[in-house]
């Protein structure tokens, strides 16, 4: 389950952390603990997106993001499609299910985008600027660009423009999970010189709730950075969860189960991306003084890059 501590381990923003949930939705009550409840994640901005849920006559989806609350019946939802959701928050993000009747084996998967706010983001979300950021705002006229609507840049546009993909691969593995509680390696993927890795998609056989097969992602020194229960996943349309997990050195994929299911299928996609000066600034790997082009630092921090 994604919690505040996991959000605070984000190193190379923007990152999209995947998660999934399966269980029983109680009668005339919400699931406890909730599927998602984030409250202490400053200084990051987080966005709940790409929610996939079952359609059920007895389950209501509830969400709150900062000052906005919503409640939707799930019966008209299409489980074969990932829903069009984008719920941004700077202070509070919540997602859960309420049962009109007890509903067993209900499932969902989703992603949380996490980013460090640029000056443009802070102006939009009414977050106080630091003295350095006020100087950048005045010199680059960021407030004017925000008022024009050209800033801040959407994450999707930022990734398409700045992440130069040197290769994209989809791998598959059939792992024999023969013993409960034993970690089985799926694959270790290593970055080459001048590049970094980004894990972008994960899919697996669903197994069962009792088997509780988990798809685990370690990146660099972050062990268990993402853990996705496979029961809400599948190898067909709607069952693949998207993510965006950068790693400077390596991505390690593994699996573990509460009850051994035997052979189990996994699918995942990753990219090899060129490490540019723009991304070095965004990831906090260089200072202004280390850059040949000093203005690049201000443009990245400001939100132009």
C-alpha atoms as a PDB file:
ATOM      1  CA  UNK A   1       0.000   0.000   0.000  1.00  0.00           C
ATOM      2  CA  UNK A   2       1.310   3.455  -0.908  1.00  0.00           C
ATOM      3  CA  UNK A   3       1.767   5.591   2.186  1.00  0.00           C
ATOM      4  CA  UNK A   4       3.323   8.922   3.111  1.00  0.00           C
ATOM      5  CA  UNK A   5       6.739   7.343   3.743  1.00  0.00           C
ATOM      6  CA  UNK A   6       6.856   5.882   0.224  1.00  0.00           C
ATOM      7  CA  UNK A   7       5.943   9.251  -1.286  1.00  0.00           C
ATOM      8  CA  UNK A   8       8.873  10.821   0.557  1.00  0.00           C
ATOM      9  CA  UNK A   9      11.312   8.327  -1.015  1.00  0.00           C
ATOM     10  CA  UNK A  10      10.679   9.769  -4.481  1.00  0.00           C
ATOM     11  CA  UNK A  11      14.063  10.884  -5.865  1.00  0.00           C
ATOM     12  CA  UNK A  12      13.675  11.520  -9.581  1.00  0.00           C
ATOM     13  CA  UNK A  13      10.374  13.374 -10.068  1.00  0.00           C
ATOM     14  CA  UNK A  14       8.029  13.117 -11.726  1.00  0.00           C
ATOM     15  CA  UNK A  15       7.452   9.509 -10.680  1.00  0.00           C
ATOM     16  CA  UNK A  16       4.313   7.409 -10.935  1.00  0.00           C
ATOM     17  CA  UNK A  17       3.990   4.752  -8.255  1.00  0.00           C
ATOM     18  CA  UNK A  18       1.613   1.860  -9.014  1.00  0.00           C
ATOM     19  CA  UNK A  19      -0.574   0.120  -6.455  1.00  0.00           C
ATOM     20  CA  UNK A  20      -3.465  -2.315  -6.275  1.00  0.00           C
ATOM     21  CA  UNK A  21      -5.991  -3.480  -3.708  1.00  0.00           C
ATOM     22  CA  UNK A  22      -8.204  -6.544  -3.327  1.00  0.00           C
ATOM     23  CA  UNK A  23     -10.502  -7.443  -0.454  1.00  0.00           C
ATOM     24  CA  UNK A  24     -14.002  -7.360   0.983  1.00  0.00           C
ATOM     25  CA  UNK A  25     -15.994  -4.126   1.000  1.00  0.00           C
ATOM     26  CA  UNK A  26     -18.140  -4.205   4.181  1.00  0.00           C
ATOM     27  CA  UNK A  27     -21.900  -3.724   4.398  1.00  0.00           C
ATOM     28  CA  UNK A  28     -22.901  -0.066   4.937  1.00  0.00           C
ATOM     29  CA  UNK A  29     -19.338   0.960   5.760  1.00  0.00           C
ATOM     30  CA  UNK A  30     -16.061   1.901   4.137  1.00  0.00           C
ATOM     31  CA  UNK A  31     -13.130  -0.448   3.821  1.00  0.00           C
ATOM     32  CA  UNK A  32     -10.774  -0.174   6.791  1.00  0.00           C
ATOM     33  CA  UNK A  33      -7.986   0.686   6.536  1.00  0.00           C
ATOM     34  CA  UNK A  34      -8.761   2.737   3.431  1.00  0.00           C
ATOM     35  CA  UNK A  35      -7.305   1.851   0.058  1.00  0.00           C
ATOM     36  CA  UNK A  36      -5.367   5.142  -0.011  1.00  0.00           C
ATOM     37  CA  UNK A  37      -4.957   7.821   2.652  1.00  0.00           C
ATOM     38  CA  UNK A  38      -2.125  10.341   2.140  1.00  0.00           C
ATOM     39  CA  UNK A  39      -1.757  13.310   4.487  1.00  0.00           C
ATOM     40  CA  UNK A  40       1.919  14.098   5.177  1.00  0.00           C
ATOM     41  CA  UNK A  41       3.676  14.282   1.842  1.00  0.00           C
ATOM     42  CA  UNK A  42       4.934  17.879   1.631  1.00  0.00           C
ATOM     43  CA  UNK A  43       6.782  19.281  -0.274  1.00  0.00           C
ATOM     44  CA  UNK A  44       5.481  17.021  -3.041  1.00  0.00           C
ATOM     45  CA  UNK A  45       2.377  17.401  -5.180  1.00  0.00           C
ATOM     46  CA  UNK A  46       0.551  14.107  -5.717  1.00  0.00           C
ATOM     47  CA  UNK A  47      -2.118  13.088  -8.237  1.00  0.00           C
ATOM     48  CA  UNK A  48      -4.320   9.987  -8.131  1.00  0.00           C
ATOM     49  CA  UNK A  49      -4.738   8.755 -11.704  1.00  0.00           C
ATOM     50  CA  UNK A  50      -5.644   5.823 -13.956  1.00  0.00           C
ATOM     51  CA  UNK A  51      -8.061   4.156 -11.537  1.00  0.00           C
ATOM     52  CA  UNK A  52      -9.335   0.788 -12.703  1.00  0.00           C
ATOM     53  CA  UNK A  53     -12.214  -0.703 -10.724  1.00  0.00           C
ATOM     54  CA  UNK A  54     -14.770  -3.479 -11.016  1.00  0.00           C
ATOM     55  CA  UNK A  55     -18.355  -2.620 -11.860  1.00  0.00           C
ATOM     56  CA  UNK A  56     -20.597  -3.632  -8.960  1.00  0.00           C
ATOM     57  CA  UNK A  57     -24.156  -2.818  -7.939  1.00  0.00           C
ATOM     58  CA  UNK A  58     -23.097  -2.885  -4.281  1.00  0.00           C
ATOM     59  CA  UNK A  59     -19.903  -0.794  -4.235  1.00  0.00           C
ATOM     60  CA  UNK A  60     -19.546   2.985  -4.239  1.00  0.00           C
ATOM     61  CA  UNK A  61     -16.168   4.626  -4.910  1.00  0.00           C
ATOM     62  CA  UNK A  62     -15.261   7.592  -2.737  1.00  0.00           C
ATOM     63  CA  UNK A  63     -12.392  10.050  -3.115  1.00  0.00           C
ATOM     64  CA  UNK A  64     -11.231  13.318  -1.588  1.00  0.00           C
ATOM     65  CA  UNK A  65      -8.445  15.545  -2.851  1.00  0.00           C
ATOM     66  CA  UNK A  66      -7.759  18.642  -0.784  1.00  0.00           C
ATOM     67  CA  UNK A  67     -11.123  20.461  -0.670  1.00  0.00           C
ATOM     68  CA  UNK A  68     -12.985  18.330  -3.233  1.00  0.00           C
ATOM     69  CA  UNK A  69     -15.041  15.226  -2.377  1.00  0.00           C
ATOM     70  CA  UNK A  70     -16.727  12.836  -4.786  1.00  0.00           C
ATOM     71  CA  UNK A  71     -18.784   9.665  -4.644  1.00  0.00           C
ATOM     72  CA  UNK A  72     -19.625   7.476  -7.653  1.00  0.00           C
ATOM     73  CA  UNK A  73     -21.462   4.184  -8.085  1.00  0.00           C
ATOM     74  CA  UNK A  74     -19.204   1.627  -9.730  1.00  0.00           C
ATOM     75  CA  UNK A  75     -21.877  -0.335 -11.636  1.00  0.00           C
ATOM     76  CA  UNK A  76     -21.467   1.724 -14.875  1.00  0.00           C
ATOM     77  CA  UNK A  77     -17.663   1.510 -14.746  1.00  0.00           C
ATOM     78  CA  UNK A  78     -15.812  -0.476 -17.428  1.00  0.00           C
ATOM     79  CA  UNK A  79     -13.262  -2.813 -15.810  1.00  0.00           C
ATOM     80  CA  UNK A  80     -11.607  -3.530 -19.166  1.00  0.00           C
ATOM     81  CA  UNK A  81     -10.575   0.143 -19.407  1.00  0.00           C
ATOM     82  CA  UNK A  82      -8.498   2.254 -17.058  1.00  0.00           C
ATOM     83  CA  UNK A  83     -10.626   5.177 -15.919  1.00  0.00           C
ATOM     84  CA  UNK A  84      -9.931   8.808 -16.807  1.00  0.00           C
ATOM     85  CA  UNK A  85      -9.058  10.148 -13.375  1.00  0.00           C
ATOM     86  CA  UNK A  86      -6.729  12.966 -12.301  1.00  0.00           C
ATOM     87  CA  UNK A  87      -7.151  14.042  -8.687  1.00  0.00           C
ATOM     88  CA  UNK A  88      -4.308  16.425  -7.673  1.00  0.00           C
ATOM     89  CA  UNK A  89      -3.524  17.299  -4.068  1.00  0.00           C
ATOM     90  CA  UNK A  90      -0.996  19.300  -2.067  1.00  0.00           C
ATOM     91  CA  UNK A  91      -2.285  18.369   1.418  1.00  0.00           C
ATOM     92  CA  UNK A  92      -4.734  15.441   1.417  1.00  0.00           C
ATOM     93  CA  UNK A  93      -5.544  12.548  -0.928  1.00  0.00           C
ATOM     94  CA  UNK A  94      -8.024   9.752  -0.174  1.00  0.00           C
ATOM     95  CA  UNK A  95      -9.570   6.851  -2.117  1.00  0.00           C
ATOM     96  CA  UNK A  96     -11.808   4.110  -0.741  1.00  0.00           C
ATOM     97  CA  UNK A  97     -14.921   1.989  -1.247  1.00  0.00           C
ATOM     98  CA  UNK A  98     -18.302   1.951   0.533  1.00  0.00           C
ATOM     99  CA  UNK A  99     -20.510  -1.126   0.452  1.00  0.00           C
ATOM    100  CA  UNK A 100     -24.281  -1.128  -0.019  1.00  0.00           C
ATOM    101  CA  UNK A 101     -23.864  -4.818   0.826  1.00  0.00           C
ATOM    102  CA  UNK A 102     -20.872  -6.935   1.772  1.00  0.00           C
ATOM    103  CA  UNK A 103     -18.900  -7.513  -1.439  1.00  0.00           C
ATOM    104  CA  UNK A 104     -16.081 -10.068  -1.474  1.00  0.00           C
ATOM    105  CA  UNK A 105     -13.086 -10.089  -3.811  1.00  0.00           C
ATOM    106  CA  UNK A 106     -13.503  -6.503  -4.932  1.00  0.00           C
ATOM    107  CA  UNK A 107     -10.418  -5.129  -6.652  1.00  0.00           C
ATOM    108  CA  UNK A 108      -8.842  -1.975  -8.024  1.00  0.00           C
ATOM    109  CA  UNK A 109      -5.520  -0.683  -9.285  1.00  0.00           C
ATOM    110  CA  UNK A 110      -4.267   2.854  -9.814  1.00  0.00           C
ATOM    111  CA  UNK A 111      -1.195   5.102  -9.939  1.00  0.00           C
ATOM    112  CA  UNK A 112       0.055   8.071  -7.932  1.00  0.00           C
ATOM    113  CA  UNK A 113       2.003  10.744  -9.787  1.00  0.00           C
ATOM    114  CA  UNK A 114       4.490  12.494  -7.501  1.00  0.00           C
ATOM    115  CA  UNK A 115       6.362  15.659  -8.414  1.00  0.00           C
ATOM    116  CA  UNK A 116       8.321  18.402  -6.719  1.00  0.00           C
ATOM    117  CA  UNK A 117       6.523  21.660  -7.513  1.00  0.00           C
ATOM    118  CA  UNK A 118       8.257  24.152  -9.747  1.00  0.00           C
ATOM    119  CA  UNK A 119       7.775  27.877  -9.281  1.00  0.00           C
ATOM    120  CA  UNK A 120       4.910  27.695 -11.788  1.00  0.00           C
ATOM    121  CA  UNK A 121       3.278  24.832  -9.870  1.00  0.00           C
ATOM    122  CA  UNK A 122       3.568  26.748  -6.608  1.00  0.00           C
ATOM    123  CA  UNK A 123       1.906  29.803  -8.116  1.00  0.00           C
ATOM    124  CA  UNK A 124      -1.010  27.705  -9.379  1.00  0.00           C
ATOM    125  CA  UNK A 125      -1.453  25.884  -6.064  1.00  0.00           C
ATOM    126  CA  UNK A 126      -0.900  28.959  -3.860  1.00  0.00           C
ATOM    127  CA  UNK A 127       2.241  27.576  -2.215  1.00  0.00           C
ATOM    128  CA  UNK A 128       4.676  30.097  -0.744  1.00  0.00           C
ATOM    129  CA  UNK A 129       7.871  30.695  -2.740  1.00  0.00           C
ATOM    130  CA  UNK A 130      11.350  30.629  -1.258  1.00  0.00           C
ATOM    131  CA  UNK A 131      13.563  33.732  -1.710  1.00  0.00           C
ATOM    132  CA  UNK A 132      15.423  31.954  -4.542  1.00  0.00           C
ATOM    133  CA  UNK A 133      12.127  31.069  -6.211  1.00  0.00           C
ATOM    134  CA  UNK A 134      10.832  34.636  -5.918  1.00  0.00           C
ATOM    135  CA  UNK A 135      13.976  35.808  -7.696  1.00  0.00           C
ATOM    136  CA  UNK A 136      13.503  33.215 -10.467  1.00  0.00           C
ATOM    137  CA  UNK A 137       9.859  34.231 -10.812  1.00  0.00           C
ATOM    138  CA  UNK A 138      10.724  37.899 -11.254  1.00  0.00           C
ATOM    139  CA  UNK A 139      13.630  37.367 -13.664  1.00  0.00           C
ATOM    140  CA  UNK A 140      11.809  34.880 -15.915  1.00  0.00           C
ATOM    141  CA  UNK A 141       8.309  36.353 -15.700  1.00  0.00           C
ATOM    142  CA  UNK A 142       6.813  33.044 -14.640  1.00  0.00           C
ATOM    143  CA  UNK A 143       3.701  34.570 -13.070  1.00  0.00           C
ATOM    144  CA  UNK A 144       2.813  36.136 -16.432  1.00  0.00           C
ATOM    145  CA  UNK A 145       3.198  32.756 -18.167  1.00  0.00           C
ATOM    146  CA  UNK A 146       0.969  31.138 -15.539  1.00  0.00           C
ATOM    147  CA  UNK A 147      -1.696  33.778 -16.129  1.00  0.00           C
ATOM    148  CA  UNK A 148      -1.465  33.163 -19.885  1.00  0.00           C
ATOM    149  CA  UNK A 149      -2.064  29.453 -19.255  1.00  0.00           C
ATOM    150  CA  UNK A 150       1.176  28.222 -20.847  1.00  0.00           C
ATOM    151  CA  UNK A 151       2.645  27.119 -17.499  1.00  0.00           C
ATOM    152  CA  UNK A 152       2.923  24.797 -15.678  1.00  0.00           C
ATOM    153  CA  UNK A 153       3.674  22.159 -18.288  1.00  0.00           C
ATOM    154  CA  UNK A 154       1.660  18.916 -18.098  1.00  0.00           C
ATOM    155  CA  UNK A 155       3.702  15.898 -16.994  1.00  0.00           C
ATOM    156  CA  UNK A 156       2.843  14.066 -20.221  1.00  0.00           C
ATOM    157  CA  UNK A 157       4.220  16.915 -22.344  1.00  0.00           C
ATOM    158  CA  UNK A 158       7.309  17.227 -20.165  1.00  0.00           C
ATOM    159  CA  UNK A 159       8.101  13.518 -20.532  1.00  0.00           C
ATOM    160  CA  UNK A 160       7.499  13.468 -24.280  1.00  0.00           C
ATOM    161  CA  UNK A 161       9.714  16.524 -24.852  1.00  0.00           C
ATOM    162  CA  UNK A 162      12.564  15.892 -22.405  1.00  0.00           C
ATOM    163  CA  UNK A 163      12.962  12.126 -21.991  1.00  0.00           C
ATOM    164  CA  UNK A 164      14.967  10.956 -25.004  1.00  0.00           C
ATOM    165  CA  UNK A 165      14.172   7.236 -25.175  1.00  0.00           C
ATOM    166  CA  UNK A 166      17.140   5.199 -26.416  1.00  0.00           C
ATOM    167  CA  UNK A 167      15.239   1.919 -26.292  1.00  0.00           C
ATOM    168  CA  UNK A 168      12.005   0.408 -25.012  1.00  0.00           C
ATOM    169  CA  UNK A 169      11.603  -3.274 -24.169  1.00  0.00           C
ATOM    170  CA  UNK A 170       8.749  -5.492 -22.978  1.00  0.00           C
ATOM    171  CA  UNK A 171       9.924  -8.594 -21.122  1.00  0.00           C
ATOM    172  CA  UNK A 172       8.012 -11.645 -19.963  1.00  0.00           C
ATOM    173  CA  UNK A 173       8.850 -14.283 -17.381  1.00  0.00           C
ATOM    174  CA  UNK A 174       7.272 -17.490 -16.115  1.00  0.00           C
ATOM    175  CA  UNK A 175       8.367 -17.838 -12.477  1.00  0.00           C
ATOM    176  CA  UNK A 176       7.748 -21.029 -10.529  1.00  0.00           C
ATOM    177  CA  UNK A 177       6.661 -19.772  -7.108  1.00  0.00           C
ATOM    178  CA  UNK A 178       7.175 -23.079  -5.341  1.00  0.00           C
ATOM    179  CA  UNK A 179       7.272 -22.006  -1.686  1.00  0.00           C
ATOM    180  CA  UNK A 180       5.279 -19.527   0.366  1.00  0.00           C
ATOM    181  CA  UNK A 181       7.149 -16.557   1.816  1.00  0.00           C
ATOM    182  CA  UNK A 182      10.164 -17.056  -0.451  1.00  0.00           C
ATOM    183  CA  UNK A 183      11.367 -14.201  -2.646  1.00  0.00           C
ATOM    184  CA  UNK A 184      11.913 -15.214  -6.285  1.00  0.00           C
ATOM    185  CA  UNK A 185      13.914 -12.989  -8.626  1.00  0.00           C
ATOM    186  CA  UNK A 186      12.174 -12.075 -11.878  1.00  0.00           C
ATOM    187  CA  UNK A 187      14.901  -9.950 -13.501  1.00  0.00           C
ATOM    188  CA  UNK A 188      17.592  -7.398 -12.673  1.00  0.00           C
ATOM    189  CA  UNK A 189      17.907  -4.653 -15.295  1.00  0.00           C
ATOM    190  CA  UNK A 190      21.015  -2.434 -15.395  1.00  0.00           C
ATOM    191  CA  UNK A 191      21.502   1.052 -16.842  1.00  0.00           C
ATOM    192  CA  UNK A 192      24.318   1.658 -19.282  1.00  0.00           C
ATOM    193  CA  UNK A 193      26.718   4.603 -19.359  1.00  0.00           C
ATOM    194  CA  UNK A 194      25.001   7.963 -19.922  1.00  0.00           C
ATOM    195  CA  UNK A 195      21.492   6.613 -19.461  1.00  0.00           C
ATOM    196  CA  UNK A 196      18.980   5.695 -16.791  1.00  0.00           C
ATOM    197  CA  UNK A 197      16.054   3.273 -16.670  1.00  0.00           C
ATOM    198  CA  UNK A 198      12.316   3.922 -16.356  1.00  0.00           C
ATOM    199  CA  UNK A 199       9.873   1.124 -15.552  1.00  0.00           C
ATOM    200  CA  UNK A 200       6.587   2.039 -17.284  1.00  0.00           C
ATOM    201  CA  UNK A 201       4.210  -0.964 -17.213  1.00  0.00           C
ATOM    202  CA  UNK A 202       3.485  -4.012 -15.067  1.00  0.00           C
ATOM    203  CA  UNK A 203       1.106  -6.945 -15.610  1.00  0.00           C
ATOM    204  CA  UNK A 204       0.737 -10.453 -14.202  1.00  0.00           C
ATOM    205  CA  UNK A 205      -1.590 -13.392 -13.818  1.00  0.00           C
ATOM    206  CA  UNK A 206      -4.183 -12.587 -11.171  1.00  0.00           C
ATOM    207  CA  UNK A 207      -3.625 -15.667  -8.920  1.00  0.00           C
ATOM    208  CA  UNK A 208      -6.086 -15.630  -5.960  1.00  0.00           C
ATOM    209  CA  UNK A 209      -6.649 -13.444  -2.918  1.00  0.00           C
ATOM    210  CA  UNK A 210      -5.449 -16.257  -0.630  1.00  0.00           C
ATOM    211  CA  UNK A 211      -2.260 -16.807  -2.649  1.00  0.00           C
ATOM    212  CA  UNK A 212      -1.509 -13.067  -2.379  1.00  0.00           C
ATOM    213  CA  UNK A 213       1.175 -12.962  -5.063  1.00  0.00           C
ATOM    214  CA  UNK A 214       3.071  -9.652  -5.017  1.00  0.00           C
ATOM    215  CA  UNK A 215       5.037  -8.038  -7.845  1.00  0.00           C
ATOM    216  CA  UNK A 216       7.874  -6.137  -6.114  1.00  0.00           C
ATOM    217  CA  UNK A 217       9.992  -3.317  -7.567  1.00  0.00           C
ATOM    218  CA  UNK A 218      13.348  -2.288  -6.068  1.00  0.00           C
ATOM    219  CA  UNK A 219      15.179   0.593  -7.674  1.00  0.00           C
ATOM    220  CA  UNK A 220      18.775   1.499  -6.839  1.00  0.00           C
ATOM    221  CA  UNK A 221      18.917   1.515  -3.016  1.00  0.00           C
ATOM    222  CA  UNK A 222      15.139   1.733  -2.516  1.00  0.00           C
ATOM    223  CA  UNK A 223      14.012  -1.755  -1.528  1.00  0.00           C
ATOM    224  CA  UNK A 224      10.302  -2.477  -1.932  1.00  0.00           C
ATOM    225  CA  UNK A 225       9.697   0.901  -3.568  1.00  0.00           C
ATOM    226  CA  UNK A 226       6.532  -0.460  -5.213  1.00  0.00           C
ATOM    227  CA  UNK A 227       4.639  -3.617  -4.277  1.00  0.00           C
ATOM    228  CA  UNK A 228       1.645  -4.513  -6.431  1.00  0.00           C
ATOM    229  CA  UNK A 229      -0.712  -7.354  -5.513  1.00  0.00           C
ATOM    230  CA  UNK A 230      -1.350  -9.354  -8.684  1.00  0.00           C
ATOM    231  CA  UNK A 231      -4.951 -10.414  -7.976  1.00  0.00           C
ATOM    232  CA  UNK A 232      -6.320  -7.101  -9.354  1.00  0.00           C
ATOM    233  CA  UNK A 233      -4.073  -7.412 -12.441  1.00  0.00           C
ATOM    234  CA  UNK A 234      -4.291  -9.543 -15.566  1.00  0.00           C
ATOM    235  CA  UNK A 235      -2.471 -10.071 -18.857  1.00  0.00           C
ATOM    236  CA  UNK A 236      -5.400  -8.677 -20.889  1.00  0.00           C
ATOM    237  CA  UNK A 237      -6.888  -5.234 -21.571  1.00  0.00           C
ATOM    238  CA  UNK A 238      -7.486  -3.280 -18.367  1.00  0.00           C
ATOM    239  CA  UNK A 239      -5.268  -5.556 -16.294  1.00  0.00           C
ATOM    240  CA  UNK A 240      -1.952  -3.803 -16.891  1.00  0.00           C
ATOM    241  CA  UNK A 241      -0.951  -1.069 -14.449  1.00  0.00           C
ATOM    242  CA  UNK A 242       1.092   1.859 -15.738  1.00  0.00           C
ATOM    243  CA  UNK A 243       3.924   3.403 -13.755  1.00  0.00           C
ATOM    244  CA  UNK A 244       6.916   5.708 -14.189  1.00  0.00           C
ATOM    245  CA  UNK A 245       9.748   4.594 -11.926  1.00  0.00           C
ATOM    246  CA  UNK A 246      13.182   5.982 -12.855  1.00  0.00           C
ATOM    247  CA  UNK A 247      16.378   4.305 -11.628  1.00  0.00           C
ATOM    248  CA  UNK A 248      19.883   5.635 -12.124  1.00  0.00           C
ATOM    249  CA  UNK A 249      21.604   2.251 -11.840  1.00  0.00           C
ATOM    250  CA  UNK A 250      19.253  -0.733 -11.724  1.00  0.00           C
ATOM    251  CA  UNK A 251      15.706  -2.011 -11.442  1.00  0.00           C
ATOM    252  CA  UNK A 252      15.236  -5.300  -9.582  1.00  0.00           C
ATOM    253  CA  UNK A 253      11.957  -7.161 -10.035  1.00  0.00           C
ATOM    254  CA  UNK A 254      10.913 -10.013  -7.773  1.00  0.00           C
ATOM    255  CA  UNK A 255       7.845 -11.827  -6.479  1.00  0.00           C
ATOM    256  CA  UNK A 256       6.676 -13.402  -3.239  1.00  0.00           C
ATOM    257  CA  UNK A 257       3.416 -15.117  -2.245  1.00  0.00           C
ATOM    258  CA  UNK A 258       1.529 -16.034   0.922  1.00  0.00           C
ATOM    259  CA  UNK A 259       0.519 -19.383  -0.608  1.00  0.00           C
ATOM    260  CA  UNK A 260       2.558 -20.852  -3.472  1.00  0.00           C
ATOM    261  CA  UNK A 261       0.662 -20.857  -6.814  1.00  0.00           C
ATOM    262  CA  UNK A 262       3.372 -22.640  -8.838  1.00  0.00           C
ATOM    263  CA  UNK A 263       4.241 -21.236 -12.303  1.00  0.00           C
ATOM    264  CA  UNK A 264       3.158 -17.607 -12.585  1.00  0.00           C
ATOM    265  CA  UNK A 265       3.358 -15.274 -15.601  1.00  0.00           C
ATOM    266  CA  UNK A 266       4.676 -11.690 -15.465  1.00  0.00           C
ATOM    267  CA  UNK A 267       4.987  -8.931 -18.081  1.00  0.00           C
ATOM    268  CA  UNK A 268       6.695  -5.549 -17.736  1.00  0.00           C
ATOM    269  CA  UNK A 269       8.005  -2.719 -19.894  1.00  0.00           C
ATOM    270  CA  UNK A 270      10.936  -0.383 -19.349  1.00  0.00           C
ATOM    271  CA  UNK A 271      12.758   2.349 -21.226  1.00  0.00           C
ATOM    272  CA  UNK A 272      16.396   3.332 -21.486  1.00  0.00           C
ATOM    273  CA  UNK A 273      16.556   7.142 -21.350  1.00  0.00           C
ATOM    274  CA  UNK A 274      19.430   9.545 -22.028  1.00  0.00           C
ATOM    275  CA  UNK A 275      20.532  11.436 -18.907  1.00  0.00           C
ATOM    276  CA  UNK A 276      20.576  15.085 -20.042  1.00  0.00           C
ATOM    277  CA  UNK A 277      21.548  18.220 -18.124  1.00  0.00           C
ATOM    278  CA  UNK A 278      17.868  19.186 -17.888  1.00  0.00           C
ATOM    279  CA  UNK A 279      17.103  15.932 -16.088  1.00  0.00           C
ATOM    280  CA  UNK A 280      20.213  16.188 -13.938  1.00  0.00           C
ATOM    281  CA  UNK A 281      18.884  19.496 -12.643  1.00  0.00           C
ATOM    282  CA  UNK A 282      15.381  18.132 -12.109  1.00  0.00           C
ATOM    283  CA  UNK A 283      16.714  15.117 -10.225  1.00  0.00           C
ATOM    284  CA  UNK A 284      18.967  17.255  -8.031  1.00  0.00           C
ATOM    285  CA  UNK A 285      22.153  15.658  -9.377  1.00  0.00           C
ATOM    286  CA  UNK A 286      23.901  18.953 -10.239  1.00  0.00           C
ATOM    287  CA  UNK A 287      24.045  22.497  -8.876  1.00  0.00           C
ATOM    288  CA  UNK A 288      23.816  25.721 -10.883  1.00  0.00           C
ATOM    289  CA  UNK A 289      27.604  26.175 -10.677  1.00  0.00           C
ATOM    290  CA  UNK A 290      28.230  22.766 -12.284  1.00  0.00           C
ATOM    291  CA  UNK A 291      26.253  23.595 -15.421  1.00  0.00           C
ATOM    292  CA  UNK A 292      27.795  25.051 -18.598  1.00  0.00           C
ATOM    293  CA  UNK A 293      24.524  26.929 -19.168  1.00  0.00           C
ATOM    294  CA  UNK A 294      23.624  28.628 -15.857  1.00  0.00           C
ATOM    295  CA  UNK A 295      20.172  29.744 -17.027  1.00  0.00           C
ATOM    296  CA  UNK A 296      19.102  26.094 -17.456  1.00  0.00           C
ATOM    297  CA  UNK A 297      18.963  25.674 -13.685  1.00  0.00           C
ATOM    298  CA  UNK A 298      16.520  28.562 -13.311  1.00  0.00           C
ATOM    299  CA  UNK A 299      14.381  27.418 -16.234  1.00  0.00           C
ATOM    300  CA  UNK A 300      14.002  23.918 -14.776  1.00  0.00           C
ATOM    301  CA  UNK A 301      13.260  25.179 -11.274  1.00  0.00           C
ATOM    302  CA  UNK A 302      10.893  27.753 -12.692  1.00  0.00           C
ATOM    303  CA  UNK A 303       8.922  25.238 -14.772  1.00  0.00           C
ATOM    304  CA  UNK A 304       9.870  26.220 -18.337  1.00  0.00           C
ATOM    305  CA  UNK A 305      11.772  22.956 -18.838  1.00  0.00           C
END
